């Protein structure tokens, strides 16, 4: 699945991530990269990033 990044100055950048949980198009997701991405599966897979969660909602606190 192609994931469009939003945080940490990455807005507009896209990456390809293995989908471990079956996220749908338009879902906001949590991804892991590096060795963590490979060890999610039953055996080590040759992947660089994996989707591991779907974000249901976001809340923020305004700090003034």
PDB file of N, CA and C in Angstrom:
ATOM      1  N   UNK A   1       0.845  -1.161   0.000  1.00  0.00           N
ATOM      2  CA  UNK A   1       0.000   0.000   0.000  1.00  0.00           C
ATOM      3  C   UNK A   1       0.897   1.232   0.000  1.00  0.00           C
ATOM      4  N   UNK A   2       0.515   2.248  -0.719  1.00  0.00           N
ATOM      5  CA  UNK A   2       1.241   3.514  -0.726  1.00  0.00           C
ATOM      6  C   UNK A   2       0.680   4.379   0.390  1.00  0.00           C
ATOM      7  N   UNK A   3       1.560   4.888   1.251  1.00  0.00           N
ATOM      8  CA  UNK A   3       1.175   5.701   2.399  1.00  0.00           C
ATOM      9  C   UNK A   3       1.715   7.104   2.199  1.00  0.00           C
ATOM     10  N   UNK A   4       0.844   8.109   2.297  1.00  0.00           N
ATOM     11  CA  UNK A   4       1.273   9.501   2.220  1.00  0.00           C
ATOM     12  C   UNK A   4       1.577   9.978   3.628  1.00  0.00           C
ATOM     13  N   UNK A   5       2.797  10.452   3.853  1.00  0.00           N
ATOM     14  CA  UNK A   5       3.226  10.880   5.182  1.00  0.00           C
ATOM     15  C   UNK A   5       2.733  12.285   5.472  1.00  0.00           C
ATOM     16  N   UNK A   6       2.453  12.563   6.771  1.00  0.00           N
ATOM     17  CA  UNK A   6       1.942  13.875   7.153  1.00  0.00           C
ATOM     18  C   UNK A   6       2.775  14.584   8.202  1.00  0.00           C
ATOM     19  N   UNK A   7       3.463  13.878   9.075  1.00  0.00           N
ATOM     20  CA  UNK A   7       4.116  14.512  10.210  1.00  0.00           C
ATOM     21  C   UNK A   7       5.603  14.718  10.031  1.00  0.00           C
ATOM     22  N   UNK A   8       6.185  15.465  10.955  1.00  0.00           N
ATOM     23  CA  UNK A   8       7.635  15.682  11.038  1.00  0.00           C
ATOM     24  C   UNK A   8       8.251  16.211   9.745  1.00  0.00           C
ATOM     25  N   UNK A   9       7.586  17.117   9.074  1.00  0.00           N
ATOM     26  CA  UNK A   9       8.128  17.704   7.859  1.00  0.00           C
ATOM     27  C   UNK A   9       8.057  16.809   6.639  1.00  0.00           C
ATOM     28  N   UNK A  10       7.340  15.692   6.731  1.00  0.00           N
ATOM     29  CA  UNK A  10       7.241  14.748   5.623  1.00  0.00           C
ATOM     30  C   UNK A  10       6.001  14.946   4.762  1.00  0.00           C
ATOM     31  N   UNK A  11       5.196  15.960   5.020  1.00  0.00           N
ATOM     32  CA  UNK A  11       3.938  16.137   4.302  1.00  0.00           C
ATOM     33  C   UNK A  11       4.171  16.127   2.795  1.00  0.00           C
ATOM     34  N   UNK A  12       3.385  15.333   2.092  1.00  0.00           N
ATOM     35  CA  UNK A  12       3.501  15.222   0.648  1.00  0.00           C
ATOM     36  C   UNK A  12       4.413  14.104   0.186  1.00  0.00           C
ATOM     37  N   UNK A  13       5.188  13.530   1.085  1.00  0.00           N
ATOM     38  CA  UNK A  13       6.085  12.420   0.745  1.00  0.00           C
ATOM     39  C   UNK A  13       5.318  11.105   0.867  1.00  0.00           C
ATOM     40  N   UNK A  14       5.585  10.158  -0.008  1.00  0.00           N
ATOM     41  CA  UNK A  14       4.905   8.858   0.024  1.00  0.00           C
ATOM     42  C   UNK A  14       5.919   7.739   0.165  1.00  0.00           C
ATOM     43  N   UNK A  15       5.493   6.651   0.814  1.00  0.00           N
ATOM     44  CA  UNK A  15       6.309   5.443   0.911  1.00  0.00           C
ATOM     45  C   UNK A  15       5.427   4.234   0.639  1.00  0.00           C
ATOM     46  N   UNK A  16       6.044   3.129   0.322  1.00  0.00           N
ATOM     47  CA  UNK A  16       5.322   1.871   0.154  1.00  0.00           C
ATOM     48  C   UNK A  16       5.494   1.082   1.435  1.00  0.00           C
ATOM     49  N   UNK A  17       4.383   0.576   1.997  1.00  0.00           N
ATOM     50  CA  UNK A  17       4.434  -0.181   3.248  1.00  0.00           C
ATOM     51  C   UNK A  17       3.641  -1.469   3.097  1.00  0.00           C
ATOM     52  N   UNK A  18       4.164  -2.558   3.655  1.00  0.00           N
ATOM     53  CA  UNK A  18       3.425  -3.815   3.698  1.00  0.00           C
ATOM     54  C   UNK A  18       2.248  -3.619   4.648  1.00  0.00           C
ATOM     55  N   UNK A  19       1.083  -4.117   4.283  1.00  0.00           N
ATOM     56  CA  UNK A  19      -0.121  -3.933   5.094  1.00  0.00           C
ATOM     57  C   UNK A  19      -0.391  -5.203   5.890  1.00  0.00           C
ATOM     58  N   UNK A  20      -0.043  -5.196   7.165  1.00  0.00           N
ATOM     59  CA  UNK A  20      -0.197  -6.357   8.033  1.00  0.00           C
ATOM     60  C   UNK A  20      -1.624  -6.508   8.559  1.00  0.00           C
ATOM     61  N   UNK A  21      -2.408  -5.403   8.609  1.00  0.00           N
ATOM     62  CA  UNK A  21      -3.706  -5.440   9.273  1.00  0.00           C
ATOM     63  C   UNK A  21      -4.911  -5.226   8.364  1.00  0.00           C
ATOM     64  N   UNK A  22      -4.704  -4.926   7.103  1.00  0.00           N
ATOM     65  CA  UNK A  22      -5.825  -4.742   6.184  1.00  0.00           C
ATOM     66  C   UNK A  22      -6.450  -3.363   6.233  1.00  0.00           C
ATOM     67  N   UNK A  23      -5.647  -2.328   6.246  1.00  0.00           N
ATOM     68  CA  UNK A  23      -6.157  -0.954   6.246  1.00  0.00           C
ATOM     69  C   UNK A  23      -6.834  -0.657   4.912  1.00  0.00           C
ATOM     70  N   UNK A  24      -7.798   0.248   4.956  1.00  0.00           N
ATOM     71  CA  UNK A  24      -8.503   0.632   3.749  1.00  0.00           C
ATOM     72  C   UNK A  24      -7.953   1.914   3.161  1.00  0.00           C
ATOM     73  N   UNK A  25      -8.366   2.207   1.953  1.00  0.00           N
ATOM     74  CA  UNK A  25      -7.952   3.433   1.290  1.00  0.00           C
ATOM     75  C   UNK A  25      -8.484   4.622   2.084  1.00  0.00           C
ATOM     76  N   UNK A  26      -7.621   5.579   2.372  1.00  0.00           N
ATOM     77  CA  UNK A  26      -8.006   6.770   3.119  1.00  0.00           C
ATOM     78  C   UNK A  26      -7.849   6.649   4.625  1.00  0.00           C
ATOM     79  N   UNK A  27      -7.576   5.452   5.147  1.00  0.00           N
ATOM     80  CA  UNK A  27      -7.353   5.281   6.587  1.00  0.00           C
ATOM     81  C   UNK A  27      -6.057   5.962   6.999  1.00  0.00           C
ATOM     82  N   UNK A  28      -6.064   6.568   8.171  1.00  0.00           N
ATOM     83  CA  UNK A  28      -4.824   7.060   8.774  1.00  0.00           C
ATOM     84  C   UNK A  28      -4.211   5.888   9.514  1.00  0.00           C
ATOM     85  N   UNK A  29      -2.933   5.664   9.296  1.00  0.00           N
ATOM     86  CA  UNK A  29      -2.310   4.457   9.830  1.00  0.00           C
ATOM     87  C   UNK A  29      -1.034   4.770  10.604  1.00  0.00           C
ATOM     88  N   UNK A  30      -0.603   3.779  11.393  1.00  0.00           N
ATOM     89  CA  UNK A  30       0.670   3.823  12.098  1.00  0.00           C
ATOM     90  C   UNK A  30       1.589   2.846  11.388  1.00  0.00           C
ATOM     91  N   UNK A  31       2.809   3.297  11.092  1.00  0.00           N
ATOM     92  CA  UNK A  31       3.763   2.417  10.421  1.00  0.00           C
ATOM     93  C   UNK A  31       5.023   2.267  11.263  1.00  0.00           C
ATOM     94  N   UNK A  32       5.711   1.155  11.084  1.00  0.00           N
ATOM     95  CA  UNK A  32       7.034   0.959  11.661  1.00  0.00           C
ATOM     96  C   UNK A  32       7.996   0.719  10.512  1.00  0.00           C
ATOM     97  N   UNK A  33       9.256   1.063  10.735  1.00  0.00           N
ATOM     98  CA  UNK A  33      10.266   0.898   9.691  1.00  0.00           C
ATOM     99  C   UNK A  33      11.462   0.125  10.224  1.00  0.00           C
ATOM    100  N   UNK A  34      12.341  -0.253   9.323  1.00  0.00           N
ATOM    101  CA  UNK A  34      13.569  -0.945   9.703  1.00  0.00           C
ATOM    102  C   UNK A  34      13.328  -2.369  10.164  1.00  0.00           C
ATOM    103  N   UNK A  35      14.135  -2.828  11.123  1.00  0.00           N
ATOM    104  CA  UNK A  35      14.030  -4.221  11.569  1.00  0.00           C
ATOM    105  C   UNK A  35      12.685  -4.506  12.225  1.00  0.00           C
ATOM    106  N   UNK A  36      12.058  -3.507  12.840  1.00  0.00           N
ATOM    107  CA  UNK A  36      10.728  -3.709  13.425  1.00  0.00           C
ATOM    108  C   UNK A  36       9.712  -4.089  12.359  1.00  0.00           C
ATOM    109  N   UNK A  37       9.821  -3.520  11.182  1.00  0.00           N
ATOM    110  CA  UNK A  37       8.896  -3.822  10.088  1.00  0.00           C
ATOM    111  C   UNK A  37       9.048  -5.262   9.616  1.00  0.00           C
ATOM    112  N   UNK A  38      10.247  -5.775   9.616  1.00  0.00           N
ATOM    113  CA  UNK A  38      10.494  -7.150   9.160  1.00  0.00           C
ATOM    114  C   UNK A  38      10.032  -8.188  10.153  1.00  0.00           C
ATOM    115  N   UNK A  39      10.073  -7.885  11.440  1.00  0.00           N
ATOM    116  CA  UNK A  39       9.766  -8.876  12.468  1.00  0.00           C
ATOM    117  C   UNK A  39       8.285  -8.943  12.828  1.00  0.00           C
ATOM    118  N   UNK A  40       7.439  -8.144  12.213  1.00  0.00           N
ATOM    119  CA  UNK A  40       5.999  -8.184  12.471  1.00  0.00           C
ATOM    120  C   UNK A  40       5.400  -9.506  11.997  1.00  0.00           C
ATOM    121  N   UNK A  41       5.877 -10.006  10.890  1.00  0.00           N
ATOM    122  CA  UNK A  41       5.345 -11.229  10.299  1.00  0.00           C
ATOM    123  C   UNK A  41       5.897 -12.456  11.019  1.00  0.00           C
ATOM    124  N   UNK A  42       5.300 -13.619  10.784  1.00  0.00           N
ATOM    125  CA  UNK A  42       5.730 -14.853  11.445  1.00  0.00           C
ATOM    126  C   UNK A  42       7.201 -15.148  11.226  1.00  0.00           C
ATOM    127  N   UNK A  43       7.691 -14.834  10.059  1.00  0.00           N
ATOM    128  CA  UNK A  43       9.122 -14.972   9.795  1.00  0.00           C
ATOM    129  C   UNK A  43       9.612 -13.681   9.158  1.00  0.00           C
ATOM    130  N   UNK A  44      10.895 -13.466   9.219  1.00  0.00           N
ATOM    131  CA  UNK A  44      11.446 -12.213   8.715  1.00  0.00           C
ATOM    132  C   UNK A  44      11.166 -12.038   7.228  1.00  0.00           C
ATOM    133  N   UNK A  45      10.606 -10.893   6.873  1.00  0.00           N
ATOM    134  CA  UNK A  45      10.287 -10.561   5.475  1.00  0.00           C
ATOM    135  C   UNK A  45      11.188  -9.426   4.995  1.00  0.00           C
ATOM    136  N   UNK A  46      11.475  -9.378   3.708  1.00  0.00           N
ATOM    137  CA  UNK A  46      12.326  -8.304   3.180  1.00  0.00           C
ATOM    138  C   UNK A  46      11.529  -7.025   2.914  1.00  0.00           C
ATOM    139  N   UNK A  47      11.078  -6.357   3.985  1.00  0.00           N
ATOM    140  CA  UNK A  47      10.321  -5.107   3.847  1.00  0.00           C
ATOM    141  C   UNK A  47      11.019  -4.003   4.644  1.00  0.00           C
ATOM    142  N   UNK A  48      10.791  -2.760   4.238  1.00  0.00           N
ATOM    143  CA  UNK A  48      11.358  -1.610   4.933  1.00  0.00           C
ATOM    144  C   UNK A  48      10.350  -0.917   5.842  1.00  0.00           C
ATOM    145  N   UNK A  49       9.037  -1.063   5.538  1.00  0.00           N
ATOM    146  CA  UNK A  49       8.011  -0.443   6.378  1.00  0.00           C
ATOM    147  C   UNK A  49       6.744  -1.298   6.361  1.00  0.00           C
ATOM    148  N   UNK A  50       6.060  -1.320   7.507  1.00  0.00           N
ATOM    149  CA  UNK A  50       4.851  -2.131   7.664  1.00  0.00           C
ATOM    150  C   UNK A  50       3.788  -1.330   8.403  1.00  0.00           C
ATOM    151  N   UNK A  51       2.543  -1.427   7.934  1.00  0.00           N
ATOM    152  CA  UNK A  51       1.410  -0.803   8.620  1.00  0.00           C
ATOM    153  C   UNK A  51       1.020  -1.704   9.786  1.00  0.00           C
ATOM    154  N   UNK A  52       0.987  -1.145  11.011  1.00  0.00           N
ATOM    155  CA  UNK A  52       0.692  -1.949  12.196  1.00  0.00           C
ATOM    156  C   UNK A  52      -0.543  -1.473  12.961  1.00  0.00           C
ATOM    157  N   UNK A  53      -1.146  -0.371  12.563  1.00  0.00           N
ATOM    158  CA  UNK A  53      -2.326   0.119  13.263  1.00  0.00           C
ATOM    159  C   UNK A  53      -3.110   1.105  12.434  1.00  0.00           C
ATOM    160  N   UNK A  54      -4.411   1.198  12.736  1.00  0.00           N
ATOM    161  CA  UNK A  54      -5.300   2.173  12.100  1.00  0.00           C
ATOM    162  C   UNK A  54      -5.709   3.176  13.169  1.00  0.00           C
ATOM    163  N   UNK A  55      -5.603   4.461  12.870  1.00  0.00           N
ATOM    164  CA  UNK A  55      -5.965   5.511  13.819  1.00  0.00           C
ATOM    165  C   UNK A  55      -7.456   5.799  13.692  1.00  0.00           C
ATOM    166  N   UNK A  56      -8.193   5.590  14.790  1.00  0.00           N
ATOM    167  CA  UNK A  56      -9.638   5.842  14.786  1.00  0.00           C
ATOM    168  C   UNK A  56      -9.958   7.321  14.904  1.00  0.00           C
ATOM    169  N   UNK A  57      -9.256   8.024  15.799  1.00  0.00           N
ATOM    170  CA  UNK A  57      -9.493   9.454  15.969  1.00  0.00           C
ATOM    171  C   UNK A  57      -8.236  10.110  16.528  1.00  0.00           C
ATOM    172  N   UNK A  58      -8.161  11.415  16.365  1.00  0.00           N
ATOM    173  CA  UNK A  58      -7.034  12.203  16.873  1.00  0.00           C
ATOM    174  C   UNK A  58      -7.549  13.311  17.755  1.00  0.00           C
ATOM    175  N   UNK A  59      -6.834  13.584  18.828  1.00  0.00           N
ATOM    176  CA  UNK A  59      -7.134  14.707  19.702  1.00  0.00           C
ATOM    177  C   UNK A  59      -5.854  15.487  19.892  1.00  0.00           C
ATOM    178  N   UNK A  60      -5.975  16.794  20.037  1.00  0.00           N
ATOM    179  CA  UNK A  60      -4.789  17.610  20.302  1.00  0.00           C
ATOM    180  C   UNK A  60      -5.117  18.632  21.374  1.00  0.00           C
ATOM    181  N   UNK A  61      -4.074  19.025  22.095  1.00  0.00           N
ATOM    182  CA  UNK A  61      -4.200  20.066  23.093  1.00  0.00           C
ATOM    183  C   UNK A  61      -3.517  21.308  22.567  1.00  0.00           C
ATOM    184  N   UNK A  62      -4.227  22.416  22.569  1.00  0.00           N
ATOM    185  CA  UNK A  62      -3.617  23.677  22.164  1.00  0.00           C
ATOM    186  C   UNK A  62      -2.804  24.218  23.331  1.00  0.00           C
ATOM    187  N   UNK A  63      -1.507  24.409  23.108  1.00  0.00           N
ATOM    188  CA  UNK A  63      -0.625  24.943  24.142  1.00  0.00           C
ATOM    189  C   UNK A  63      -0.341  26.395  23.811  1.00  0.00           C
ATOM    190  N   UNK A  64      -0.869  27.275  24.618  1.00  0.00           N
ATOM    191  CA  UNK A  64      -0.676  28.706  24.377  1.00  0.00           C
ATOM    192  C   UNK A  64       0.140  29.314  25.463  1.00  0.00           C
TER     193      UNK A  64
END
